[in-house]
């Protein structure tokens, strides 16, 4: 298993864009301490995870264009912004 190392700079621009779109979709801040924030966080993460799964399945299983898929995922992500209070690292409730 001595496969050559492949770095990000070796990938086509569209593949890098798709990796960035996946990262951006899933990299959401942890929720604040309220139950409402936790629910909103989990719903958003579930929805964005579903979006990523759809895009990746379409690319891998149906041969969809990678660049267009990256743009679609980025657009979906921007339509569902974080609306909950993010955890500020304060260490919890007093």
N, C-alpha and C. Protein backbone atom coordinates (compact mmCIF):
# COMPACT_ATOMS: atom_id res chain seq x y z
N UNK A 1 0.82 -1.19 0.00
CA UNK A 1 0.00 0.00 0.00
C UNK A 1 0.86 1.25 0.00
N UNK A 2 1.75 1.34 -0.90
CA UNK A 2 2.60 2.51 -1.02
C UNK A 2 2.06 3.43 -2.09
N UNK A 3 0.86 3.95 -1.84
CA UNK A 3 0.26 4.87 -2.79
C UNK A 3 0.91 6.24 -2.63
N UNK A 4 1.03 6.97 -3.72
CA UNK A 4 1.65 8.30 -3.62
C UNK A 4 0.79 9.25 -2.79
N UNK A 5 1.45 10.17 -2.13
CA UNK A 5 0.76 11.19 -1.35
C UNK A 5 0.11 12.18 -2.29
N UNK A 6 -1.13 12.51 -2.01
CA UNK A 6 -1.85 13.51 -2.80
C UNK A 6 -2.18 14.67 -1.87
N UNK A 7 -1.69 15.83 -2.21
CA UNK A 7 -1.94 17.03 -1.41
C UNK A 7 -3.07 17.84 -2.03
N UNK A 8 -3.62 18.73 -1.24
CA UNK A 8 -4.71 19.57 -1.70
C UNK A 8 -4.35 20.31 -2.98
N UNK A 9 -3.13 20.79 -3.06
CA UNK A 9 -2.70 21.55 -4.24
C UNK A 9 -2.63 20.68 -5.50
N UNK A 10 -2.66 19.35 -5.33
CA UNK A 10 -2.63 18.44 -6.47
C UNK A 10 -4.01 18.17 -7.05
N UNK A 11 -5.05 18.53 -6.31
CA UNK A 11 -6.41 18.24 -6.74
C UNK A 11 -6.93 19.30 -7.70
N UNK A 12 -7.84 18.92 -8.57
CA UNK A 12 -8.48 19.91 -9.44
C UNK A 12 -9.24 20.95 -8.60
N UNK A 13 -9.36 22.14 -9.12
CA UNK A 13 -10.01 23.24 -8.40
C UNK A 13 -11.44 22.88 -7.99
N UNK A 14 -12.16 22.18 -8.84
CA UNK A 14 -13.54 21.80 -8.51
C UNK A 14 -13.59 20.85 -7.31
N UNK A 15 -12.63 19.93 -7.21
CA UNK A 15 -12.59 19.00 -6.08
C UNK A 15 -12.29 19.75 -4.79
N UNK A 16 -11.39 20.71 -4.85
CA UNK A 16 -11.08 21.53 -3.68
C UNK A 16 -12.31 22.34 -3.26
N UNK A 17 -13.02 22.88 -4.24
CA UNK A 17 -14.23 23.64 -3.94
C UNK A 17 -15.27 22.77 -3.26
N UNK A 18 -15.40 21.52 -3.70
CA UNK A 18 -16.36 20.62 -3.06
C UNK A 18 -15.94 20.29 -1.64
N UNK A 19 -14.66 20.05 -1.42
CA UNK A 19 -14.18 19.79 -0.06
C UNK A 19 -14.44 21.00 0.84
N UNK A 20 -14.21 22.20 0.32
CA UNK A 20 -14.47 23.41 1.11
C UNK A 20 -15.96 23.56 1.42
N UNK A 21 -16.79 23.25 0.45
CA UNK A 21 -18.23 23.36 0.65
C UNK A 21 -18.72 22.37 1.71
N UNK A 22 -18.17 21.15 1.68
CA UNK A 22 -18.52 20.15 2.70
C UNK A 22 -18.07 20.64 4.07
N UNK A 23 -16.84 21.13 4.15
CA UNK A 23 -16.33 21.66 5.42
C UNK A 23 -17.21 22.80 5.94
N UNK A 24 -17.51 23.75 5.08
CA UNK A 24 -18.30 24.91 5.48
C UNK A 24 -19.71 24.51 5.93
N UNK A 25 -20.28 23.50 5.30
CA UNK A 25 -21.62 23.04 5.67
C UNK A 25 -21.63 22.41 7.05
N UNK A 26 -20.57 21.69 7.38
CA UNK A 26 -20.55 20.91 8.62
C UNK A 26 -19.84 21.61 9.78
N UNK A 27 -19.10 22.65 9.51
CA UNK A 27 -18.34 23.34 10.55
C UNK A 27 -19.20 24.44 11.17
N UNK A 28 -20.08 24.03 12.07
CA UNK A 28 -20.97 25.00 12.71
C UNK A 28 -20.59 25.10 14.19
N UNK A 29 -20.81 26.28 14.78
CA UNK A 29 -20.41 26.46 16.18
C UNK A 29 -21.27 25.62 17.12
N UNK A 30 -20.66 25.23 18.22
CA UNK A 30 -21.40 24.52 19.26
C UNK A 30 -22.49 25.43 19.81
N UNK A 31 -23.58 24.84 20.29
CA UNK A 31 -24.68 25.67 20.78
C UNK A 31 -24.43 26.21 22.18
N UNK A 32 -25.18 27.25 22.52
CA UNK A 32 -25.17 27.76 23.87
C UNK A 32 -25.78 26.74 24.82
N UNK A 33 -26.02 27.15 26.03
CA UNK A 33 -26.45 26.22 27.07
C UNK A 33 -27.95 25.96 27.13
N UNK A 34 -28.74 26.74 26.43
CA UNK A 34 -30.19 26.56 26.53
C UNK A 34 -30.65 25.36 25.70
N UNK A 35 -31.76 24.78 26.12
CA UNK A 35 -32.34 23.66 25.38
C UNK A 35 -32.72 24.08 23.96
N UNK A 36 -33.21 25.30 23.84
CA UNK A 36 -33.60 25.82 22.53
C UNK A 36 -32.39 25.90 21.59
N UNK A 37 -31.26 26.38 22.10
CA UNK A 37 -30.04 26.44 21.28
C UNK A 37 -29.58 25.05 20.89
N UNK A 38 -29.66 24.11 21.81
CA UNK A 38 -29.25 22.73 21.52
C UNK A 38 -30.13 22.11 20.44
N UNK A 39 -31.44 22.33 20.53
CA UNK A 39 -32.35 21.79 19.52
C UNK A 39 -32.06 22.40 18.16
N UNK A 40 -31.87 23.72 18.12
CA UNK A 40 -31.59 24.40 16.85
C UNK A 40 -30.28 23.90 16.24
N UNK A 41 -29.28 23.71 17.08
CA UNK A 41 -27.99 23.18 16.63
C UNK A 41 -28.16 21.80 15.99
N UNK A 42 -28.86 20.92 16.68
CA UNK A 42 -29.02 19.56 16.18
C UNK A 42 -29.85 19.52 14.90
N UNK A 43 -30.88 20.35 14.82
CA UNK A 43 -31.67 20.41 13.60
C UNK A 43 -30.84 20.92 12.42
N UNK A 44 -30.07 21.97 12.67
CA UNK A 44 -29.23 22.52 11.60
C UNK A 44 -28.18 21.51 11.17
N UNK A 45 -27.52 20.87 12.11
CA UNK A 45 -26.50 19.88 11.77
C UNK A 45 -27.12 18.71 11.01
N UNK A 46 -28.29 18.27 11.43
CA UNK A 46 -28.96 17.18 10.74
C UNK A 46 -29.30 17.58 9.30
N UNK A 47 -29.82 18.78 9.13
CA UNK A 47 -30.20 19.24 7.79
C UNK A 47 -28.98 19.39 6.90
N UNK A 48 -27.93 20.01 7.42
CA UNK A 48 -26.73 20.20 6.61
C UNK A 48 -26.03 18.87 6.29
N UNK A 49 -26.06 17.93 7.24
CA UNK A 49 -25.50 16.61 6.98
C UNK A 49 -26.27 15.92 5.86
N UNK A 50 -27.57 16.06 5.88
CA UNK A 50 -28.40 15.50 4.82
C UNK A 50 -28.05 16.13 3.47
N UNK A 51 -27.87 17.44 3.45
CA UNK A 51 -27.48 18.13 2.21
C UNK A 51 -26.16 17.59 1.68
N UNK A 52 -25.19 17.42 2.57
CA UNK A 52 -23.87 16.90 2.16
C UNK A 52 -24.02 15.49 1.60
N UNK A 53 -24.80 14.67 2.26
CA UNK A 53 -24.98 13.29 1.79
C UNK A 53 -25.60 13.26 0.40
N UNK A 54 -26.57 14.12 0.14
CA UNK A 54 -27.21 14.18 -1.17
C UNK A 54 -26.19 14.57 -2.24
N UNK A 55 -25.42 15.62 -1.96
CA UNK A 55 -24.44 16.10 -2.94
C UNK A 55 -23.38 15.04 -3.22
N UNK A 56 -22.83 14.45 -2.17
CA UNK A 56 -21.77 13.45 -2.35
C UNK A 56 -22.32 12.21 -3.07
N UNK A 57 -23.53 11.79 -2.73
CA UNK A 57 -24.14 10.65 -3.40
C UNK A 57 -24.35 10.94 -4.89
N UNK A 58 -24.76 12.16 -5.21
CA UNK A 58 -24.95 12.53 -6.61
C UNK A 58 -23.63 12.55 -7.38
N UNK A 59 -22.58 13.04 -6.75
CA UNK A 59 -21.28 13.08 -7.40
C UNK A 59 -20.74 11.67 -7.61
N UNK A 60 -20.76 10.87 -6.54
CA UNK A 60 -20.18 9.54 -6.61
C UNK A 60 -21.06 8.54 -7.36
N UNK A 61 -22.35 8.61 -7.17
CA UNK A 61 -23.23 7.60 -7.74
C UNK A 61 -23.83 7.95 -9.08
N UNK A 62 -23.94 9.24 -9.37
CA UNK A 62 -24.61 9.64 -10.59
C UNK A 62 -23.72 10.46 -11.52
N UNK A 63 -22.50 10.70 -11.08
CA UNK A 63 -21.55 11.40 -11.93
C UNK A 63 -21.82 12.88 -12.12
N UNK A 64 -22.50 13.50 -11.16
CA UNK A 64 -22.76 14.94 -11.29
C UNK A 64 -21.46 15.73 -11.31
N UNK A 65 -21.51 16.87 -11.97
CA UNK A 65 -20.35 17.76 -12.08
C UNK A 65 -19.94 18.24 -10.69
N UNK A 66 -18.66 18.08 -10.37
CA UNK A 66 -18.16 18.41 -9.04
C UNK A 66 -18.24 19.92 -8.76
N UNK A 67 -17.87 20.73 -9.72
CA UNK A 67 -17.90 22.18 -9.53
C UNK A 67 -19.31 22.68 -9.28
N UNK A 68 -20.25 22.22 -10.08
CA UNK A 68 -21.64 22.63 -9.91
C UNK A 68 -22.19 22.13 -8.57
N UNK A 69 -21.80 20.92 -8.19
CA UNK A 69 -22.24 20.36 -6.91
C UNK A 69 -21.71 21.20 -5.75
N UNK A 70 -20.47 21.66 -5.86
CA UNK A 70 -19.89 22.52 -4.81
C UNK A 70 -20.68 23.82 -4.71
N UNK A 71 -21.03 24.40 -5.85
CA UNK A 71 -21.80 25.65 -5.84
C UNK A 71 -23.19 25.43 -5.24
N UNK A 72 -23.81 24.31 -5.57
CA UNK A 72 -25.13 23.99 -5.04
C UNK A 72 -25.08 23.84 -3.53
N UNK A 73 -24.10 23.08 -3.03
CA UNK A 73 -23.98 22.88 -1.60
C UNK A 73 -23.70 24.20 -0.89
N UNK A 74 -22.86 25.03 -1.45
CA UNK A 74 -22.58 26.34 -0.84
C UNK A 74 -23.84 27.20 -0.79
N UNK A 75 -24.63 27.14 -1.84
CA UNK A 75 -25.88 27.92 -1.87
C UNK A 75 -26.85 27.41 -0.82
N UNK A 76 -26.98 26.09 -0.71
CA UNK A 76 -27.87 25.52 0.31
C UNK A 76 -27.41 25.92 1.71
N UNK A 77 -26.11 25.89 1.93
CA UNK A 77 -25.56 26.25 3.24
C UNK A 77 -25.86 27.70 3.57
N UNK A 78 -25.71 28.58 2.61
CA UNK A 78 -25.96 30.00 2.87
C UNK A 78 -27.43 30.29 3.12
N UNK A 79 -28.32 29.43 2.65
CA UNK A 79 -29.75 29.60 2.87
C UNK A 79 -30.18 29.16 4.27
N UNK A 80 -29.30 28.47 4.98
CA UNK A 80 -29.61 27.98 6.32
C UNK A 80 -28.53 28.44 7.30
N UNK A 81 -28.52 29.71 7.65
CA UNK A 81 -27.48 30.21 8.55
C UNK A 81 -27.69 29.75 9.98
N UNK A 82 -26.67 29.90 10.78
CA UNK A 82 -26.77 29.63 12.22
C UNK A 82 -27.66 30.71 12.82
N UNK A 83 -28.71 30.28 13.52
CA UNK A 83 -29.64 31.24 14.12
C UNK A 83 -29.68 31.12 15.64
N UNK A 84 -28.96 30.17 16.19
CA UNK A 84 -28.96 29.97 17.64
C UNK A 84 -27.78 30.71 18.26
N UNK A 85 -27.81 30.83 19.57
CA UNK A 85 -26.71 31.43 20.29
C UNK A 85 -25.59 30.39 20.41
N UNK A 86 -24.42 30.77 19.94
CA UNK A 86 -23.28 29.85 19.98
C UNK A 86 -22.65 29.85 21.37
N UNK A 87 -22.08 28.71 21.73
CA UNK A 87 -21.38 28.59 23.01
C UNK A 87 -20.17 29.53 22.98
N UNK A 88 -19.98 30.25 24.08
CA UNK A 88 -18.87 31.21 24.12
C UNK A 88 -17.67 30.72 24.92
N UNK A 89 -17.72 29.49 25.38
CA UNK A 89 -16.59 28.94 26.11
C UNK A 89 -16.54 29.38 27.55
N UNK A 90 -17.61 29.92 28.06
CA UNK A 90 -17.64 30.45 29.39
C UNK A 90 -17.65 29.41 30.52
N UNK A 91 -17.73 28.15 30.16
CA UNK A 91 -17.64 27.12 31.17
C UNK A 91 -18.96 26.65 31.76
N UNK A 92 -20.07 27.11 31.23
CA UNK A 92 -21.34 26.59 31.71
C UNK A 92 -22.08 27.56 32.62
N UNK A 93 -23.20 27.09 33.08
CA UNK A 93 -24.07 27.90 33.94
C UNK A 93 -23.45 28.05 35.32
N UNK A 94 -23.73 29.18 35.99
CA UNK A 94 -23.18 29.40 37.33
C UNK A 94 -23.74 28.42 38.35
